């Protein structure tokens, strides 16, 4: 089954996480690039001009704001992070940012999906489609994912990871996520006392 972009947030037995996966049929030539406080999705070398074919394919997918990890499938990562930095709570930052930026105006009306989680484990998932907007709290101690296609409402999932690298591996091709086609690249953060970043 093809779900497009997928993100998950929540808690495992070993810590808190946020993980993101690019699955793509139209623009497979992309990779993750990591920095101290963020991870970006960018075209691979030789495919830089793809951003002129589709402006939605390059963006920060993860951004850390103090003890909060923000994750999304587009430029709204930065908008959500800015709202949180200004003092807005996670639920409102997700809701206002998704509503304001709306779904992507491409050939598929691609939804914008987003999530955020604190080191204490408070986490939310959100989505805006051409028909609706949802922002939902993930139950304490649980994990959930959402995708741009098919699974466009939060789904609880048994997520197995004990560090950031394992979380990036898991959402790319392990457990429930092994059922979903066209994986390209992934990234994740994992936290106990502080966040660590990994990407594949």
N, C-alpha and C. Protein backbone atom coordinates (compact mmCIF):
# COMPACT_ATOMS: atom_id res chain seq x y z
N UNK A 1 0.84 -1.19 0.00
CA UNK A 1 0.00 0.00 0.00
C UNK A 1 0.88 1.25 0.00
N UNK A 2 0.52 2.23 -0.82
CA UNK A 2 1.27 3.47 -0.91
C UNK A 2 0.60 4.54 -0.06
N UNK A 3 1.36 5.07 0.92
CA UNK A 3 0.82 6.09 1.82
C UNK A 3 1.43 7.46 1.60
N UNK A 4 2.43 7.56 0.74
CA UNK A 4 3.12 8.84 0.59
C UNK A 4 3.99 9.12 1.80
N UNK A 5 4.00 10.36 2.25
CA UNK A 5 4.81 10.72 3.42
C UNK A 5 4.14 10.22 4.69
N UNK A 6 4.96 9.77 5.65
CA UNK A 6 4.46 9.20 6.90
C UNK A 6 5.23 9.82 8.06
N UNK A 7 4.54 10.14 9.14
CA UNK A 7 5.24 10.55 10.35
C UNK A 7 4.59 9.91 11.56
N UNK A 8 5.41 9.72 12.59
CA UNK A 8 4.94 9.07 13.82
C UNK A 8 5.55 9.79 15.02
N UNK A 9 4.79 9.83 16.10
CA UNK A 9 5.28 10.38 17.37
C UNK A 9 4.78 9.50 18.51
N UNK A 10 5.49 9.57 19.65
CA UNK A 10 4.99 8.84 20.79
C UNK A 10 6.09 8.36 21.71
N UNK A 11 5.76 7.33 22.46
CA UNK A 11 6.65 6.81 23.49
C UNK A 11 6.91 5.32 23.26
N UNK A 12 8.16 4.91 23.50
CA UNK A 12 8.50 3.50 23.54
C UNK A 12 8.90 3.18 24.98
N UNK A 13 9.32 1.96 25.21
CA UNK A 13 9.76 1.58 26.55
C UNK A 13 11.02 2.34 26.96
N UNK A 14 11.76 2.85 25.97
CA UNK A 14 13.06 3.45 26.25
C UNK A 14 13.10 4.97 26.14
N UNK A 15 12.04 5.60 25.64
CA UNK A 15 12.07 7.05 25.49
C UNK A 15 10.98 7.58 24.59
N UNK A 16 11.12 8.85 24.23
CA UNK A 16 10.15 9.53 23.37
C UNK A 16 10.76 9.70 21.98
N UNK A 17 9.91 9.75 20.94
CA UNK A 17 10.45 9.84 19.59
C UNK A 17 9.51 10.61 18.67
N UNK A 18 10.10 11.09 17.59
CA UNK A 18 9.35 11.57 16.43
C UNK A 18 10.10 11.07 15.21
N UNK A 19 9.39 10.48 14.26
CA UNK A 19 10.05 9.87 13.09
C UNK A 19 9.29 10.24 11.82
N UNK A 20 10.04 10.39 10.74
CA UNK A 20 9.46 10.83 9.46
C UNK A 20 10.04 10.00 8.32
N UNK A 21 9.18 9.67 7.37
CA UNK A 21 9.61 8.89 6.19
C UNK A 21 9.08 9.53 4.92
N UNK A 22 9.97 9.68 3.96
CA UNK A 22 9.56 10.07 2.61
C UNK A 22 9.35 8.80 1.81
N UNK A 23 8.14 8.64 1.31
CA UNK A 23 7.84 7.61 0.30
C UNK A 23 7.39 8.39 -0.92
N UNK A 24 7.92 8.08 -2.09
CA UNK A 24 7.58 8.89 -3.25
C UNK A 24 7.62 8.09 -4.53
N UNK A 25 6.65 8.37 -5.39
CA UNK A 25 6.64 7.79 -6.73
C UNK A 25 7.11 8.81 -7.77
N UNK A 26 6.82 10.08 -7.52
CA UNK A 26 7.11 11.13 -8.51
C UNK A 26 8.50 11.72 -8.37
N UNK A 27 8.98 11.88 -7.12
CA UNK A 27 10.29 12.50 -6.89
C UNK A 27 11.12 11.64 -5.92
N UNK A 28 11.64 10.51 -6.42
CA UNK A 28 12.39 9.59 -5.55
C UNK A 28 13.82 10.03 -5.26
N UNK A 29 14.33 11.00 -6.01
CA UNK A 29 15.75 11.37 -5.89
C UNK A 29 15.96 12.43 -4.82
N UNK A 30 15.63 12.04 -3.58
CA UNK A 30 15.78 12.95 -2.44
C UNK A 30 16.51 12.25 -1.30
N UNK A 31 17.04 13.06 -0.41
CA UNK A 31 17.77 12.52 0.74
C UNK A 31 17.55 13.42 1.95
N UNK A 32 17.96 12.91 3.11
CA UNK A 32 17.90 13.70 4.33
C UNK A 32 19.28 14.30 4.60
N UNK A 33 19.27 15.50 5.19
CA UNK A 33 20.50 16.18 5.56
C UNK A 33 20.32 16.72 6.97
N UNK A 34 21.22 16.35 7.88
CA UNK A 34 21.05 16.68 9.28
C UNK A 34 21.89 17.85 9.74
N UNK A 35 21.37 18.59 10.69
CA UNK A 35 22.04 19.71 11.33
C UNK A 35 21.88 19.55 12.84
N UNK A 36 22.40 20.50 13.62
CA UNK A 36 22.35 20.37 15.07
C UNK A 36 20.92 20.30 15.61
N UNK A 37 20.02 21.11 15.04
CA UNK A 37 18.67 21.21 15.60
C UNK A 37 17.57 20.92 14.59
N UNK A 38 17.94 20.35 13.44
CA UNK A 38 16.92 20.09 12.42
C UNK A 38 17.41 19.06 11.42
N UNK A 39 16.45 18.53 10.65
CA UNK A 39 16.75 17.65 9.52
C UNK A 39 15.97 18.17 8.32
N UNK A 40 16.64 18.24 7.17
CA UNK A 40 16.00 18.74 5.95
C UNK A 40 15.88 17.62 4.92
N UNK A 41 14.84 17.71 4.11
CA UNK A 41 14.67 16.87 2.93
C UNK A 41 15.12 17.70 1.73
N UNK A 42 16.09 17.19 0.98
CA UNK A 42 16.65 17.94 -0.15
C UNK A 42 16.84 17.01 -1.34
N UNK A 43 16.88 17.57 -2.56
CA UNK A 43 17.18 16.73 -3.73
C UNK A 43 18.61 16.20 -3.67
N UNK A 44 18.81 15.00 -4.21
CA UNK A 44 20.16 14.46 -4.32
C UNK A 44 20.95 15.27 -5.35
N UNK A 45 22.28 15.17 -5.25
CA UNK A 45 23.14 15.86 -6.20
C UNK A 45 22.79 15.46 -7.62
N UNK A 46 22.65 16.45 -8.48
CA UNK A 46 22.26 16.21 -9.86
C UNK A 46 20.78 16.38 -10.11
N UNK A 47 19.99 16.48 -9.02
CA UNK A 47 18.54 16.63 -9.16
C UNK A 47 18.03 17.92 -8.51
N UNK A 48 18.95 18.87 -8.33
CA UNK A 48 18.59 20.12 -7.65
C UNK A 48 17.46 20.87 -8.36
N UNK A 49 17.36 20.75 -9.66
CA UNK A 49 16.34 21.49 -10.41
C UNK A 49 14.93 20.92 -10.22
N UNK A 50 14.83 19.78 -9.54
CA UNK A 50 13.50 19.22 -9.27
C UNK A 50 12.63 20.19 -8.47
N UNK A 51 13.26 21.07 -7.67
CA UNK A 51 12.47 22.02 -6.87
C UNK A 51 11.72 23.01 -7.76
N UNK A 52 12.15 23.17 -9.01
CA UNK A 52 11.43 24.04 -9.93
C UNK A 52 10.23 23.33 -10.55
N UNK A 53 10.27 21.99 -10.52
CA UNK A 53 9.13 21.20 -11.01
C UNK A 53 8.06 21.09 -9.93
N UNK A 54 8.50 21.03 -8.67
CA UNK A 54 7.56 20.94 -7.54
C UNK A 54 8.20 21.63 -6.33
N UNK A 55 7.67 22.78 -5.91
CA UNK A 55 8.28 23.54 -4.83
C UNK A 55 8.10 22.90 -3.46
N UNK A 56 7.31 21.83 -3.37
CA UNK A 56 7.00 21.22 -2.08
C UNK A 56 7.97 20.10 -1.68
N UNK A 57 8.95 19.79 -2.51
CA UNK A 57 9.75 18.59 -2.26
C UNK A 57 10.97 18.82 -1.37
N UNK A 58 11.30 20.06 -1.04
CA UNK A 58 12.45 20.35 -0.17
C UNK A 58 11.97 21.19 1.02
N UNK A 59 12.37 20.79 2.23
CA UNK A 59 11.87 21.44 3.44
C UNK A 59 12.55 20.86 4.67
N UNK A 60 12.42 21.53 5.79
CA UNK A 60 12.82 20.96 7.07
C UNK A 60 11.73 20.01 7.52
N UNK A 61 12.08 18.75 7.77
CA UNK A 61 11.07 17.79 8.22
C UNK A 61 11.05 17.65 9.74
N UNK A 62 12.16 17.99 10.39
CA UNK A 62 12.24 17.95 11.85
C UNK A 62 12.93 19.21 12.33
N UNK A 63 12.39 19.80 13.39
CA UNK A 63 13.03 20.95 14.01
C UNK A 63 12.85 20.86 15.51
N UNK A 64 13.95 21.08 16.25
CA UNK A 64 13.91 21.04 17.71
C UNK A 64 13.74 22.44 18.26
N UNK A 65 12.80 22.59 19.19
CA UNK A 65 12.55 23.86 19.87
C UNK A 65 12.60 23.57 21.36
N UNK A 66 13.73 23.85 21.99
CA UNK A 66 13.91 23.54 23.41
C UNK A 66 13.65 22.05 23.65
N UNK A 67 12.62 21.71 24.44
CA UNK A 67 12.37 20.30 24.73
C UNK A 67 11.31 19.70 23.81
N UNK A 68 10.94 20.41 22.74
CA UNK A 68 9.89 19.96 21.84
C UNK A 68 10.46 19.65 20.46
N UNK A 69 10.07 18.50 19.91
CA UNK A 69 10.44 18.12 18.55
C UNK A 69 9.23 18.33 17.65
N UNK A 70 9.40 19.11 16.60
CA UNK A 70 8.34 19.35 15.61
C UNK A 70 8.68 18.57 14.35
N UNK A 71 7.68 17.96 13.74
CA UNK A 71 7.92 17.10 12.58
C UNK A 71 6.79 17.30 11.57
N UNK A 72 7.14 17.36 10.27
CA UNK A 72 6.08 17.54 9.27
C UNK A 72 6.60 17.19 7.87
N UNK A 73 5.69 17.27 6.91
CA UNK A 73 6.04 16.95 5.52
C UNK A 73 6.20 18.20 4.67
N UNK A 74 6.50 19.35 5.29
CA UNK A 74 6.64 20.56 4.48
C UNK A 74 7.17 21.75 5.23
N UNK A 75 7.06 22.91 4.60
CA UNK A 75 7.59 24.14 5.17
C UNK A 75 6.85 24.57 6.44
N UNK A 76 5.73 23.93 6.72
CA UNK A 76 5.01 24.26 7.95
C UNK A 76 5.75 23.79 9.20
N UNK A 77 6.79 22.95 9.05
CA UNK A 77 7.65 22.61 10.20
C UNK A 77 8.14 23.88 10.87
N UNK A 78 8.66 24.80 10.06
CA UNK A 78 9.22 26.04 10.59
C UNK A 78 8.15 26.94 11.18
N UNK A 79 6.99 26.97 10.56
CA UNK A 79 5.89 27.81 11.06
C UNK A 79 5.42 27.32 12.43
N UNK A 80 5.25 26.01 12.56
CA UNK A 80 4.84 25.43 13.84
C UNK A 80 5.88 25.72 14.91
N UNK A 81 7.16 25.54 14.56
CA UNK A 81 8.24 25.80 15.51
C UNK A 81 8.24 27.25 15.96
N UNK A 82 7.99 28.17 15.04
CA UNK A 82 7.95 29.59 15.39
C UNK A 82 6.80 29.89 16.34
N UNK A 83 5.65 29.28 16.10
CA UNK A 83 4.49 29.49 16.99
C UNK A 83 4.81 28.98 18.40
N UNK A 84 5.44 27.83 18.49
CA UNK A 84 5.80 27.27 19.80
C UNK A 84 6.83 28.16 20.50
N UNK A 85 7.80 28.64 19.74
CA UNK A 85 8.81 29.53 20.30
C UNK A 85 8.19 30.80 20.87
N UNK A 86 7.11 31.26 20.23
CA UNK A 86 6.44 32.49 20.69
C UNK A 86 5.59 32.25 21.93
N UNK A 87 5.47 30.99 22.37
CA UNK A 87 4.74 30.68 23.59
C UNK A 87 3.43 29.95 23.39
N UNK A 88 3.08 29.65 22.14
CA UNK A 88 1.82 28.95 21.87
C UNK A 88 1.94 27.48 22.25
N UNK A 89 0.85 26.88 22.74
CA UNK A 89 0.89 25.45 23.07
C UNK A 89 0.90 24.61 21.79
N UNK A 90 1.26 23.34 21.94
CA UNK A 90 1.45 22.47 20.78
C UNK A 90 0.17 22.33 19.96
N UNK A 91 -0.93 22.06 20.62
CA UNK A 91 -2.19 21.84 19.90
C UNK A 91 -2.54 23.04 19.03
N UNK A 92 -2.47 24.24 19.61
CA UNK A 92 -2.84 25.44 18.87
C UNK A 92 -1.84 25.75 17.76
N UNK A 93 -0.54 25.52 18.05
CA UNK A 93 0.48 25.77 17.03
C UNK A 93 0.27 24.89 15.81
N UNK A 94 -0.05 23.62 16.04
CA UNK A 94 -0.35 22.71 14.93
C UNK A 94 -1.60 23.16 14.18
N UNK A 95 -2.68 23.40 14.92
CA UNK A 95 -3.95 23.73 14.30
C UNK A 95 -3.90 25.00 13.48
N UNK A 96 -3.36 26.07 14.05
CA UNK A 96 -3.30 27.36 13.35
C UNK A 96 -2.40 27.28 12.13
N UNK A 97 -1.25 26.61 12.27
CA UNK A 97 -0.31 26.52 11.16
C UNK A 97 -0.88 25.70 10.01
N UNK A 98 -1.51 24.57 10.32
CA UNK A 98 -2.11 23.75 9.27
C UNK A 98 -3.26 24.47 8.58
N UNK A 99 -4.09 25.13 9.36
CA UNK A 99 -5.23 25.85 8.79
C UNK A 99 -4.76 27.00 7.91
N UNK A 100 -3.74 27.72 8.35
CA UNK A 100 -3.24 28.88 7.61
C UNK A 100 -2.57 28.46 6.31
N UNK A 101 -1.72 27.44 6.36
CA UNK A 101 -0.95 27.04 5.17
C UNK A 101 -1.76 26.15 4.23
N UNK A 102 -2.74 25.41 4.79
CA UNK A 102 -3.66 24.60 4.00
C UNK A 102 -2.93 23.46 3.27
N UNK A 103 -3.69 22.62 2.58
CA UNK A 103 -3.10 21.50 1.85
C UNK A 103 -2.26 22.03 0.69
N UNK A 104 -1.37 21.20 0.17
CA UNK A 104 -0.49 21.61 -0.92
C UNK A 104 -1.28 21.71 -2.22
N UNK A 105 -1.05 22.77 -2.94
CA UNK A 105 -1.80 23.00 -4.19
C UNK A 105 -1.06 22.36 -5.36
N UNK A 106 -0.85 21.04 -5.26
CA UNK A 106 -0.23 20.29 -6.35
C UNK A 106 -1.30 19.49 -7.09
N UNK A 107 -0.88 18.58 -7.96
CA UNK A 107 -1.83 17.81 -8.75
C UNK A 107 -2.66 16.85 -7.91
N UNK A 108 -2.20 16.56 -6.67
CA UNK A 108 -2.87 15.56 -5.84
C UNK A 108 -3.56 16.15 -4.61
N UNK A 109 -3.56 17.49 -4.50
CA UNK A 109 -4.08 18.13 -3.28
C UNK A 109 -3.47 17.47 -2.04
N UNK A 110 -2.15 17.29 -2.07
CA UNK A 110 -1.46 16.57 -1.00
C UNK A 110 -1.71 17.21 0.36
N UNK A 111 -2.17 16.44 1.32
CA UNK A 111 -2.38 16.98 2.66
C UNK A 111 -1.06 17.40 3.31
N UNK A 112 -1.15 18.35 4.21
CA UNK A 112 -0.03 18.66 5.09
C UNK A 112 -0.25 17.87 6.38
N UNK A 113 0.77 17.15 6.81
CA UNK A 113 0.71 16.41 8.06
C UNK A 113 1.77 16.96 9.01
N UNK A 114 1.54 16.84 10.31
CA UNK A 114 2.49 17.38 11.27
C UNK A 114 2.31 16.69 12.62
N UNK A 115 3.35 16.80 13.41
CA UNK A 115 3.30 16.28 14.77
C UNK A 115 4.27 17.03 15.65
N UNK A 116 4.14 16.86 16.94
CA UNK A 116 5.07 17.45 17.89
C UNK A 116 5.01 16.65 19.18
N UNK A 117 6.17 16.60 19.87
CA UNK A 117 6.24 15.86 21.13
C UNK A 117 7.24 16.52 22.06
N UNK A 118 6.94 16.53 23.36
CA UNK A 118 7.87 17.04 24.35
C UNK A 118 8.69 15.89 24.91
N UNK A 119 9.78 16.24 25.58
CA UNK A 119 10.60 15.21 26.22
C UNK A 119 9.83 14.48 27.33
N UNK A 120 8.78 15.12 27.83
CA UNK A 120 7.94 14.49 28.86
C UNK A 120 6.92 13.53 28.25
N UNK A 121 6.75 13.59 26.91
CA UNK A 121 5.87 12.65 26.24
C UNK A 121 4.53 13.18 25.79
N UNK A 122 4.25 14.47 26.00
CA UNK A 122 3.00 15.04 25.48
C UNK A 122 3.13 15.17 23.97
N UNK A 123 2.23 14.54 23.23
CA UNK A 123 2.39 14.54 21.77
C UNK A 123 1.05 14.68 21.05
N UNK A 124 1.13 15.26 19.86
CA UNK A 124 -0.03 15.49 19.00
C UNK A 124 0.30 15.16 17.56
N UNK A 125 -0.72 14.77 16.81
CA UNK A 125 -0.64 14.63 15.36
C UNK A 125 -1.71 15.50 14.73
N UNK A 126 -1.42 16.01 13.52
CA UNK A 126 -2.39 16.83 12.82
C UNK A 126 -2.31 16.65 11.33
N UNK A 127 -3.40 17.00 10.65
CA UNK A 127 -3.46 16.93 9.18
C UNK A 127 -4.47 17.95 8.67
N UNK A 128 -4.16 18.55 7.52
CA UNK A 128 -5.16 19.35 6.81
C UNK A 128 -5.24 18.80 5.38
N UNK A 129 -6.46 18.44 4.98
CA UNK A 129 -6.72 17.97 3.62
C UNK A 129 -7.61 18.99 2.92
N UNK A 130 -8.00 18.69 1.70
CA UNK A 130 -8.91 19.61 1.00
C UNK A 130 -10.33 19.51 1.55
N UNK A 131 -10.56 18.60 2.50
CA UNK A 131 -11.90 18.41 3.06
C UNK A 131 -11.98 18.64 4.56
N UNK A 132 -10.85 18.54 5.29
CA UNK A 132 -10.95 18.60 6.75
C UNK A 132 -9.63 18.98 7.39
N UNK A 133 -9.70 19.25 8.70
CA UNK A 133 -8.50 19.46 9.50
C UNK A 133 -8.68 18.71 10.81
N UNK A 134 -7.63 18.01 11.24
CA UNK A 134 -7.66 17.24 12.48
C UNK A 134 -6.39 17.55 13.27
N UNK A 135 -6.53 17.80 14.55
CA UNK A 135 -5.40 17.85 15.47
C UNK A 135 -5.81 17.01 16.67
N UNK A 136 -5.03 15.97 16.95
CA UNK A 136 -5.43 14.98 17.94
C UNK A 136 -4.28 14.63 18.87
N UNK A 137 -4.57 14.55 20.16
CA UNK A 137 -3.55 14.18 21.13
C UNK A 137 -3.32 12.67 21.09
N UNK A 138 -2.06 12.28 21.13
CA UNK A 138 -1.71 10.85 21.20
C UNK A 138 -1.81 10.43 22.66
N UNK A 139 -2.50 9.33 22.96
CA UNK A 139 -2.64 8.90 24.35
C UNK A 139 -1.29 8.73 25.04
N UNK A 140 -1.23 9.08 26.30
CA UNK A 140 0.01 9.01 27.06
C UNK A 140 0.59 7.60 27.03
N UNK A 141 1.88 7.50 26.75
CA UNK A 141 2.55 6.21 26.72
C UNK A 141 2.36 5.43 25.43
N UNK A 142 1.61 5.97 24.47
CA UNK A 142 1.33 5.29 23.20
C UNK A 142 2.10 5.95 22.05
N UNK A 143 2.04 5.32 20.89
CA UNK A 143 2.62 5.85 19.67
C UNK A 143 1.55 5.82 18.57
N UNK A 144 1.64 6.78 17.65
CA UNK A 144 0.68 6.83 16.55
C UNK A 144 1.34 7.42 15.31
N UNK A 145 0.77 7.11 14.15
CA UNK A 145 1.29 7.66 12.90
C UNK A 145 0.15 8.19 12.05
N UNK A 146 0.53 9.01 11.06
CA UNK A 146 -0.43 9.55 10.10
C UNK A 146 0.30 9.69 8.77
N UNK A 147 -0.43 9.65 7.67
CA UNK A 147 0.20 9.70 6.35
C UNK A 147 -0.57 10.64 5.43
N UNK A 148 0.06 10.98 4.31
CA UNK A 148 -0.59 11.91 3.38
C UNK A 148 -1.70 11.24 2.56
N UNK A 149 -1.63 9.92 2.38
CA UNK A 149 -2.66 9.21 1.63
C UNK A 149 -3.13 7.99 2.42
N UNK A 150 -4.35 7.57 2.18
CA UNK A 150 -4.96 6.38 2.77
C UNK A 150 -5.15 6.50 4.29
N UNK A 151 -4.08 6.52 5.05
CA UNK A 151 -4.17 6.60 6.51
C UNK A 151 -4.09 8.05 6.96
N UNK A 152 -5.16 8.80 6.67
CA UNK A 152 -5.17 10.24 6.90
C UNK A 152 -5.82 10.62 8.23
N UNK A 153 -5.93 9.64 9.10
CA UNK A 153 -6.31 9.90 10.49
C UNK A 153 -5.28 9.20 11.36
N UNK A 154 -5.03 9.70 12.57
CA UNK A 154 -4.02 9.06 13.43
C UNK A 154 -4.35 7.60 13.70
N UNK A 155 -3.34 6.73 13.54
CA UNK A 155 -3.45 5.31 13.80
C UNK A 155 -2.46 4.94 14.90
N UNK A 156 -2.92 4.31 15.96
CA UNK A 156 -1.98 3.82 16.97
C UNK A 156 -1.12 2.72 16.36
N UNK A 157 0.14 2.64 16.80
CA UNK A 157 1.08 1.68 16.23
C UNK A 157 2.04 1.22 17.32
N UNK A 158 2.47 -0.03 17.21
CA UNK A 158 3.48 -0.58 18.11
C UNK A 158 4.84 -0.20 17.54
N UNK A 159 5.45 0.83 18.08
CA UNK A 159 6.70 1.37 17.54
C UNK A 159 7.86 0.88 18.39
N UNK A 160 8.84 0.24 17.75
CA UNK A 160 9.98 -0.34 18.46
C UNK A 160 11.25 0.45 18.16
N UNK A 161 11.80 1.13 19.15
CA UNK A 161 13.06 1.85 18.99
C UNK A 161 13.61 2.22 20.36
N UNK A 162 14.95 2.17 20.47
CA UNK A 162 15.58 2.59 21.72
C UNK A 162 16.60 3.70 21.51
N UNK A 163 16.69 4.21 20.26
CA UNK A 163 17.51 5.37 19.96
C UNK A 163 17.04 5.98 18.65
N UNK A 164 17.62 7.12 18.27
CA UNK A 164 17.16 7.83 17.08
C UNK A 164 17.40 7.03 15.80
N UNK A 165 18.54 6.37 15.71
CA UNK A 165 18.83 5.59 14.50
C UNK A 165 17.84 4.45 14.32
N UNK A 166 17.54 3.75 15.41
CA UNK A 166 16.56 2.66 15.32
C UNK A 166 15.17 3.18 14.97
N UNK A 167 14.83 4.38 15.45
CA UNK A 167 13.52 4.97 15.10
C UNK A 167 13.46 5.31 13.62
N UNK A 168 14.56 5.84 13.06
CA UNK A 168 14.59 6.14 11.63
C UNK A 168 14.51 4.86 10.80
N UNK A 169 15.18 3.80 11.26
CA UNK A 169 15.11 2.51 10.57
C UNK A 169 13.71 1.92 10.64
N UNK A 170 13.08 2.04 11.81
CA UNK A 170 11.78 1.41 12.01
C UNK A 170 10.72 2.01 11.09
N UNK A 171 10.68 3.34 11.00
CA UNK A 171 9.64 3.95 10.16
C UNK A 171 9.94 3.75 8.68
N UNK A 172 11.21 3.49 8.34
CA UNK A 172 11.56 3.29 6.93
C UNK A 172 11.10 1.93 6.42
N UNK A 173 11.31 0.87 7.21
CA UNK A 173 10.99 -0.45 6.64
C UNK A 173 10.81 -1.57 7.66
N UNK A 174 10.42 -1.25 8.88
CA UNK A 174 10.24 -2.31 9.88
C UNK A 174 8.83 -2.26 10.48
N UNK A 175 8.45 -3.37 11.14
CA UNK A 175 7.15 -3.43 11.78
C UNK A 175 6.02 -3.13 10.81
N UNK A 176 5.04 -2.40 11.25
CA UNK A 176 3.89 -2.03 10.43
C UNK A 176 4.32 -1.30 9.16
N UNK A 177 5.40 -0.52 9.25
CA UNK A 177 5.81 0.32 8.13
C UNK A 177 6.42 -0.46 6.98
N UNK A 178 6.78 -1.72 7.21
CA UNK A 178 7.29 -2.56 6.13
C UNK A 178 6.19 -2.87 5.11
N UNK A 179 4.93 -2.66 5.50
CA UNK A 179 3.80 -2.93 4.60
C UNK A 179 3.63 -1.84 3.55
N UNK A 180 4.25 -0.69 3.75
CA UNK A 180 3.98 0.46 2.90
C UNK A 180 5.10 0.65 1.88
N UNK A 181 4.71 0.93 0.64
CA UNK A 181 5.65 0.89 -0.49
C UNK A 181 6.39 2.21 -0.73
N UNK A 182 7.40 2.11 -1.60
CA UNK A 182 8.17 3.25 -2.12
C UNK A 182 8.93 4.06 -1.08
N UNK A 183 9.57 3.39 -0.09
CA UNK A 183 10.36 4.16 0.88
C UNK A 183 11.59 4.77 0.22
N UNK A 184 11.92 6.00 0.60
CA UNK A 184 13.06 6.71 0.01
C UNK A 184 14.11 7.04 1.06
N UNK A 185 13.70 7.73 2.12
CA UNK A 185 14.62 8.17 3.16
C UNK A 185 13.82 8.44 4.43
N UNK A 186 14.53 8.55 5.56
CA UNK A 186 13.82 8.78 6.82
C UNK A 186 14.72 9.53 7.80
N UNK A 187 14.09 10.05 8.84
CA UNK A 187 14.81 10.76 9.90
C UNK A 187 14.02 10.62 11.19
N UNK A 188 14.72 10.77 12.31
CA UNK A 188 14.03 10.64 13.59
C UNK A 188 14.80 11.37 14.68
N UNK A 189 14.07 11.71 15.74
CA UNK A 189 14.69 12.18 16.97
C UNK A 189 14.23 11.24 18.08
N UNK A 190 15.10 11.08 19.07
CA UNK A 190 14.79 10.22 20.20
C UNK A 190 15.28 10.92 21.45
N UNK A 191 14.47 10.88 22.50
CA UNK A 191 14.84 11.61 23.69
C UNK A 191 14.59 10.90 24.99
N UNK A 192 15.50 11.14 25.91
CA UNK A 192 15.33 10.78 27.31
C UNK A 192 15.43 12.07 28.09
N UNK A 193 16.68 12.47 28.38
CA UNK A 193 16.92 13.78 29.01
C UNK A 193 17.09 14.88 27.96
N UNK A 194 17.51 14.50 26.75
CA UNK A 194 17.63 15.46 25.65
C UNK A 194 17.41 14.72 24.34
N UNK A 195 17.22 15.49 23.26
CA UNK A 195 16.96 14.90 21.96
C UNK A 195 18.26 14.54 21.24
N UNK A 196 18.24 13.43 20.53
CA UNK A 196 19.31 13.08 19.59
C UNK A 196 18.66 12.89 18.22
N UNK A 197 19.43 13.17 17.17
CA UNK A 197 18.92 13.14 15.79
C UNK A 197 19.63 12.07 14.99
N UNK A 198 18.88 11.39 14.10
CA UNK A 198 19.49 10.45 13.17
C UNK A 198 18.71 10.50 11.85
N UNK A 199 19.38 10.12 10.78
CA UNK A 199 18.70 10.11 9.48
C UNK A 199 19.35 9.06 8.59
N UNK A 200 18.57 8.57 7.64
CA UNK A 200 19.03 7.52 6.72
C UNK A 200 18.87 7.99 5.27
